[in-house]
Amino acid sequence: MLQIFSSKFRAVPRLTLLLLSAGLYGISGMANADAATYSNGSTGSNFDVTMKIVANCTVAALPLDFGQAQGVLSAAVNVNTTINVTCSNSTPYNLGLNAGTGAGSSGTTRKLSGTGANTGTVAFNLFQTAGSTLWGDTQGSNTVGGTGTGSAITHTVYGQVPVQATPAPDTYKSTITATVYF
């Protein structure tokens, strides 16, 4: 009986070895096949890199100072300043200048207001070119157009205080808003 047990014991290990051997061969064969794919060449995967640029503009203006007038406004006072517009490359824009904060200003009719109790005003104009084409804030009518390059584009504003009745001595002021439409 010991011998039968012994022969059964030997039969089980041979069968188990045979099955284990077949299983290991299959697994190692798969592992070797995968290893050959990676060791004999390379494989890769593509991925997208994206960025969205949205049209944008900025505007920066320098002050316009008519200086100091002695006595009366008997001759026109002409000065200029610049406004820089920076827009995304190929972005069309229009640059407008509003009427300002001076009392009685409207559209392209602009006035500097006195301070404190002084209700006097000084009329002035802003031009797109020296002495002609008033600069306003109505797109398609009196704004200045351009196309962005990604760098600052300089626009000159020509200011003029025309001959007029001179108000009381004071400092006169208006704040103009430059707006870039894109």
C-alpha atoms as a PDB file:
ATOM      1  CA  MET A   1       0.000   0.000   0.000  1.00  0.00           C
ATOM      2  CA  LEU A   2       2.825   2.183   0.582  1.00  0.00           C
ATOM      3  CA  GLN A   3       3.913   1.566  -2.941  1.00  0.00           C
ATOM      4  CA  ILE A   4       0.499   2.513  -4.413  1.00  0.00           C
ATOM      5  CA  PHE A   5       0.524   5.637  -2.317  1.00  0.00           C
ATOM      6  CA  SER A   6       4.026   6.222  -3.466  1.00  0.00           C
ATOM      7  CA  SER A   7       3.122   5.761  -7.132  1.00  0.00           C
ATOM      8  CA  LYS A   8       0.104   8.019  -6.726  1.00  0.00           C
ATOM      9  CA  PHE A   9       2.331  10.489  -5.012  1.00  0.00           C
ATOM     10  CA  ARG A  10       4.692  10.368  -7.964  1.00  0.00           C
ATOM     11  CA  ALA A  11       1.900  10.635 -10.501  1.00  0.00           C
ATOM     12  CA  VAL A  12       0.490  13.772  -8.910  1.00  0.00           C
ATOM     13  CA  PRO A  13       3.774  15.594  -8.916  1.00  0.00           C
ATOM     14  CA  ARG A  14       4.420  14.690 -12.578  1.00  0.00           C
ATOM     15  CA  LEU A  15       0.997  15.913 -13.598  1.00  0.00           C
ATOM     16  CA  THR A  16       1.369  19.008 -11.460  1.00  0.00           C
ATOM     17  CA  LEU A  17       4.824  19.615 -12.856  1.00  0.00           C
ATOM     18  CA  LEU A  18       3.503  19.158 -16.361  1.00  0.00           C
ATOM     19  CA  LEU A  19       0.655  21.646 -15.762  1.00  0.00           C
ATOM     20  CA  LEU A  20       2.891  24.072 -13.911  1.00  0.00           C
ATOM     21  CA  SER A  21       5.487  23.810 -16.594  1.00  0.00           C
ATOM     22  CA  ALA A  22       2.935  24.496 -19.332  1.00  0.00           C
ATOM     23  CA  GLY A  23       1.509  27.433 -17.386  1.00  0.00           C
ATOM     24  CA  LEU A  24       4.911  28.924 -16.666  1.00  0.00           C
ATOM     25  CA  TYR A  25       5.940  28.496 -20.266  1.00  0.00           C
ATOM     26  CA  GLY A  26       2.804  30.356 -21.396  1.00  0.00           C
ATOM     27  CA  ILE A  27       3.396  33.138 -18.909  1.00  0.00           C
ATOM     28  CA  SER A  28       7.071  33.396 -19.674  1.00  0.00           C
ATOM     29  CA  GLY A  29       6.332  33.274 -23.383  1.00  0.00           C
ATOM     30  CA  MET A  30       3.983  36.236 -22.970  1.00  0.00           C
ATOM     31  CA  ALA A  31       6.487  38.081 -20.844  1.00  0.00           C
ATOM     32  CA  ASN A  32       9.203  37.412 -23.357  1.00  0.00           C
ATOM     33  CA  ALA A  33       6.978  38.593 -26.210  1.00  0.00           C
ATOM     34  CA  ASP A  34       6.193  41.874 -24.378  1.00  0.00           C
ATOM     35  CA  ALA A  35       9.804  42.329 -23.391  1.00  0.00           C
ATOM     36  CA  ALA A  36      10.822  41.883 -27.026  1.00  0.00           C
ATOM     37  CA  THR A  37       8.430  44.620 -28.077  1.00  0.00           C
ATOM     38  CA  TYR A  38       9.938  47.094 -25.637  1.00  0.00           C
ATOM     39  CA  SER A  39      13.550  45.997 -25.867  1.00  0.00           C
ATOM     40  CA  ASN A  40      13.703  45.865 -29.680  1.00  0.00           C
ATOM     41  CA  GLY A  41      11.991  49.209 -30.362  1.00  0.00           C
ATOM     42  CA  SER A  42      10.051  51.974 -28.781  1.00  0.00           C
ATOM     43  CA  THR A  43       6.481  53.040 -28.735  1.00  0.00           C
ATOM     44  CA  GLY A  44       4.936  56.366 -27.849  1.00  0.00           C
ATOM     45  CA  SER A  45       1.802  58.378 -27.434  1.00  0.00           C
ATOM     46  CA  ASN A  46       0.956  61.847 -28.692  1.00  0.00           C
ATOM     47  CA  PHE A  47      -0.711  64.542 -26.619  1.00  0.00           C
ATOM     48  CA  ASP A  48      -1.929  68.029 -27.503  1.00  0.00           C
ATOM     49  CA  VAL A  49      -0.534  71.192 -25.963  1.00  0.00           C
ATOM     50  CA  THR A  50      -2.908  74.126 -26.375  1.00  0.00           C
ATOM     51  CA  MET A  51      -3.238  77.775 -25.480  1.00  0.00           C
ATOM     52  CA  LYS A  52      -6.040  80.154 -26.380  1.00  0.00           C
ATOM     53  CA  ILE A  53      -5.160  83.814 -26.913  1.00  0.00           C
ATOM     54  CA  VAL A  54      -8.118  86.123 -26.572  1.00  0.00           C
ATOM     55  CA  ALA A  55      -8.061  89.516 -28.277  1.00  0.00           C
ATOM     56  CA  ASN A  56      -7.190  92.233 -25.790  1.00  0.00           C
ATOM     57  CA  CYS A  57      -6.121  95.867 -25.804  1.00  0.00           C
ATOM     58  CA  THR A  58      -4.706  98.326 -23.300  1.00  0.00           C
ATOM     59  CA  VAL A  59      -4.475 102.088 -23.527  1.00  0.00           C
ATOM     60  CA  ALA A  60      -2.110 104.504 -21.761  1.00  0.00           C
ATOM     61  CA  ALA A  61      -2.303 108.287 -22.116  1.00  0.00           C
ATOM     62  CA  LEU A  62       0.060 111.083 -21.143  1.00  0.00           C
ATOM     63  CA  PRO A  63      -1.328 114.396 -19.784  1.00  0.00           C
ATOM     64  CA  LEU A  64      -2.047 117.342 -22.061  1.00  0.00           C
ATOM     65  CA  ASP A  65      -0.911 120.626 -20.506  1.00  0.00           C
ATOM     66  CA  PHE A  66      -1.732 123.933 -22.190  1.00  0.00           C
ATOM     67  CA  GLY A  67       0.676 125.643 -19.823  1.00  0.00           C
ATOM     68  CA  GLN A  68       0.201 129.097 -18.361  1.00  0.00           C
ATOM     69  CA  ALA A  69      -1.456 131.940 -20.271  1.00  0.00           C
ATOM     70  CA  GLN A  70      -0.484 135.519 -19.456  1.00  0.00           C
ATOM     71  CA  GLY A  71      -3.399 137.947 -19.355  1.00  0.00           C
ATOM     72  CA  VAL A  72      -5.872 137.148 -22.142  1.00  0.00           C
ATOM     73  CA  LEU A  73      -6.483 134.329 -24.610  1.00  0.00           C
ATOM     74  CA  SER A  74      -5.830 136.503 -27.693  1.00  0.00           C
ATOM     75  CA  ALA A  75      -3.877 133.808 -29.610  1.00  0.00           C
ATOM     76  CA  ALA A  76      -4.546 130.079 -30.039  1.00  0.00           C
ATOM     77  CA  VAL A  77      -2.527 127.804 -27.772  1.00  0.00           C
ATOM     78  CA  ASN A  78      -1.495 124.544 -29.492  1.00  0.00           C
ATOM     79  CA  VAL A  79       0.076 121.546 -27.747  1.00  0.00           C
ATOM     80  CA  ASN A  80       0.028 117.791 -28.228  1.00  0.00           C
ATOM     81  CA  THR A  81       0.361 114.561 -26.284  1.00  0.00           C
ATOM     82  CA  THR A  82       0.402 110.861 -27.065  1.00  0.00           C
ATOM     83  CA  ILE A  83      -1.765 107.864 -26.361  1.00  0.00           C
ATOM     84  CA  ASN A  84      -0.318 104.359 -26.672  1.00  0.00           C
ATOM     85  CA  VAL A  85      -2.605 101.510 -27.694  1.00  0.00           C
ATOM     86  CA  THR A  86      -1.360  97.941 -27.340  1.00  0.00           C
ATOM     87  CA  CYS A  87      -3.605  95.277 -28.859  1.00  0.00           C
ATOM     88  CA  SER A  88      -3.163  91.604 -29.623  1.00  0.00           C
ATOM     89  CA  ASN A  89      -1.620  90.988 -33.036  1.00  0.00           C
ATOM     90  CA  SER A  90      -4.139  91.502 -35.896  1.00  0.00           C
ATOM     91  CA  THR A  91      -6.860  92.852 -33.567  1.00  0.00           C
ATOM     92  CA  PRO A  92      -8.730  95.782 -35.164  1.00  0.00           C
ATOM     93  CA  TYR A  93      -9.535  98.648 -32.787  1.00  0.00           C
ATOM     94  CA  ASN A  94     -10.928 102.171 -32.555  1.00  0.00           C
ATOM     95  CA  LEU A  95      -9.615 104.791 -30.126  1.00  0.00           C
ATOM     96  CA  GLY A  96     -12.146 107.271 -28.806  1.00  0.00           C
ATOM     97  CA  LEU A  97     -11.871 110.336 -26.556  1.00  0.00           C
ATOM     98  CA  ASN A  98     -14.925 111.365 -24.553  1.00  0.00           C
ATOM     99  CA  ALA A  99     -16.098 114.949 -23.946  1.00  0.00           C
ATOM    100  CA  GLY A 100     -14.394 115.162 -20.560  1.00  0.00           C
ATOM    101  CA  THR A 101     -15.496 116.324 -17.136  1.00  0.00           C
ATOM    102  CA  GLY A 102     -15.509 120.096 -17.748  1.00  0.00           C
ATOM    103  CA  ALA A 103     -18.851 121.838 -17.154  1.00  0.00           C
ATOM    104  CA  GLY A 104     -20.760 122.153 -20.432  1.00  0.00           C
ATOM    105  CA  SER A 105     -18.707 119.526 -22.312  1.00  0.00           C
ATOM    106  CA  SER A 106     -20.583 117.325 -24.773  1.00  0.00           C
ATOM    107  CA  GLY A 107     -19.461 115.248 -27.772  1.00  0.00           C
ATOM    108  CA  THR A 108     -16.494 117.036 -29.314  1.00  0.00           C
ATOM    109  CA  THR A 109     -17.297 120.346 -27.581  1.00  0.00           C
ATOM    110  CA  ARG A 110     -14.935 120.390 -24.625  1.00  0.00           C
ATOM    111  CA  LYS A 111     -14.370 122.805 -21.762  1.00  0.00           C
ATOM    112  CA  LEU A 112     -11.950 123.169 -18.887  1.00  0.00           C
ATOM    113  CA  SER A 113     -13.696 124.092 -15.619  1.00  0.00           C
ATOM    114  CA  GLY A 114     -12.525 126.507 -12.955  1.00  0.00           C
ATOM    115  CA  THR A 115     -12.002 125.341  -9.373  1.00  0.00           C
ATOM    116  CA  GLY A 116     -13.987 126.038  -6.221  1.00  0.00           C
ATOM    117  CA  ALA A 117     -16.653 128.736  -6.606  1.00  0.00           C
ATOM    118  CA  ASN A 118     -15.299 129.785 -10.036  1.00  0.00           C
ATOM    119  CA  THR A 119     -17.859 128.650 -12.625  1.00  0.00           C
ATOM    120  CA  GLY A 120     -15.833 129.973 -15.563  1.00  0.00           C
ATOM    121  CA  THR A 121     -14.725 127.695 -18.385  1.00  0.00           C
ATOM    122  CA  VAL A 122     -12.086 127.633 -21.121  1.00  0.00           C
ATOM    123  CA  ALA A 123     -13.071 126.024 -24.448  1.00  0.00           C
ATOM    124  CA  PHE A 124     -10.585 123.631 -26.049  1.00  0.00           C
ATOM    125  CA  ASN A 125     -10.450 121.141 -28.912  1.00  0.00           C
ATOM    126  CA  LEU A 126      -8.807 117.775 -29.435  1.00  0.00           C
ATOM    127  CA  PHE A 127      -7.879 116.885 -32.998  1.00  0.00           C
ATOM    128  CA  GLN A 128      -6.834 113.682 -34.785  1.00  0.00           C
ATOM    129  CA  THR A 129      -4.499 115.709 -37.018  1.00  0.00           C
ATOM    130  CA  ALA A 130      -3.160 119.192 -36.307  1.00  0.00           C
ATOM    131  CA  GLY A 131      -6.023 121.697 -36.689  1.00  0.00           C
ATOM    132  CA  SER A 132      -8.553 119.385 -38.368  1.00  0.00           C
ATOM    133  CA  THR A 133     -10.858 116.424 -37.689  1.00  0.00           C
ATOM    134  CA  LEU A 134     -12.135 116.693 -34.138  1.00  0.00           C
ATOM    135  CA  TRP A 135     -11.550 113.592 -32.040  1.00  0.00           C
ATOM    136  CA  GLY A 136     -14.618 112.125 -30.383  1.00  0.00           C
ATOM    137  CA  ASP A 137     -15.998 108.885 -29.016  1.00  0.00           C
ATOM    138  CA  THR A 138     -18.476 107.803 -31.702  1.00  0.00           C
ATOM    139  CA  GLN A 139     -17.169 104.707 -33.468  1.00  0.00           C
ATOM    140  CA  GLY A 140     -17.233 104.937 -37.236  1.00  0.00           C
ATOM    141  CA  SER A 141     -17.586 108.714 -37.052  1.00  0.00           C
ATOM    142  CA  ASN A 142     -14.844 110.478 -35.086  1.00  0.00           C
ATOM    143  CA  THR A 143     -12.615 107.806 -33.551  1.00  0.00           C
ATOM    144  CA  VAL A 144      -9.199 106.715 -34.824  1.00  0.00           C
ATOM    145  CA  GLY A 145      -8.849 103.146 -36.055  1.00  0.00           C
ATOM    146  CA  GLY A 146      -5.914 100.798 -36.217  1.00  0.00           C
ATOM    147  CA  THR A 147      -4.838  97.165 -36.101  1.00  0.00           C
ATOM    148  CA  GLY A 148      -2.876  95.719 -33.205  1.00  0.00           C
ATOM    149  CA  THR A 149       0.636  94.381 -33.655  1.00  0.00           C
ATOM    150  CA  GLY A 150       1.239  93.109 -30.126  1.00  0.00           C
ATOM    151  CA  SER A 151       3.364  96.218 -29.463  1.00  0.00           C
ATOM    152  CA  ALA A 152       2.396  99.750 -28.479  1.00  0.00           C
ATOM    153  CA  ILE A 153       1.107 101.959 -31.307  1.00  0.00           C
ATOM    154  CA  THR A 154       1.444 105.672 -30.578  1.00  0.00           C
ATOM    155  CA  HIS A 155      -1.350 108.093 -31.502  1.00  0.00           C
ATOM    156  CA  THR A 156      -0.783 111.842 -31.260  1.00  0.00           C
ATOM    157  CA  VAL A 157      -3.555 114.006 -29.828  1.00  0.00           C
ATOM    158  CA  TYR A 158      -3.417 117.645 -30.977  1.00  0.00           C
ATOM    159  CA  GLY A 159      -4.886 120.043 -28.441  1.00  0.00           C
ATOM    160  CA  GLN A 160      -5.896 123.645 -29.045  1.00  0.00           C
ATOM    161  CA  VAL A 161      -7.301 126.426 -26.889  1.00  0.00           C
ATOM    162  CA  PRO A 162      -8.776 128.831 -29.478  1.00  0.00           C
ATOM    163  CA  VAL A 163      -8.991 132.600 -29.110  1.00  0.00           C
ATOM    164  CA  GLN A 164     -11.845 133.405 -26.705  1.00  0.00           C
ATOM    165  CA  ALA A 165     -12.973 135.702 -23.932  1.00  0.00           C
ATOM    166  CA  THR A 166     -10.659 135.094 -21.002  1.00  0.00           C
ATOM    167  CA  PRO A 167     -12.272 133.921 -17.752  1.00  0.00           C
ATOM    168  CA  ALA A 168     -11.055 134.847 -14.253  1.00  0.00           C
ATOM    169  CA  PRO A 169      -7.512 133.795 -13.278  1.00  0.00           C
ATOM    170  CA  ASP A 170      -7.609 130.201 -11.940  1.00  0.00           C
ATOM    171  CA  THR A 171      -6.424 126.707 -12.764  1.00  0.00           C
ATOM    172  CA  TYR A 172      -8.840 125.103 -15.237  1.00  0.00           C
ATOM    173  CA  LYS A 173      -9.166 121.384 -15.676  1.00  0.00           C
ATOM    174  CA  SER A 174     -10.996 118.540 -17.449  1.00  0.00           C
ATOM    175  CA  THR A 175     -10.414 114.809 -17.335  1.00  0.00           C
ATOM    176  CA  ILE A 176     -10.701 113.025 -20.693  1.00  0.00           C
ATOM    177  CA  THR A 177     -11.285 109.287 -20.900  1.00  0.00           C
ATOM    178  CA  ALA A 178      -9.503 107.489 -23.752  1.00  0.00           C
ATOM    179  CA  THR A 179     -11.321 104.274 -24.668  1.00  0.00           C
ATOM    180  CA  VAL A 180     -10.077 101.575 -27.015  1.00  0.00           C
ATOM    181  CA  TYR A 181     -12.855  99.560 -28.687  1.00  0.00           C
ATOM    182  CA  PHE A 182     -11.938  96.140 -30.118  1.00  0.00           C
END
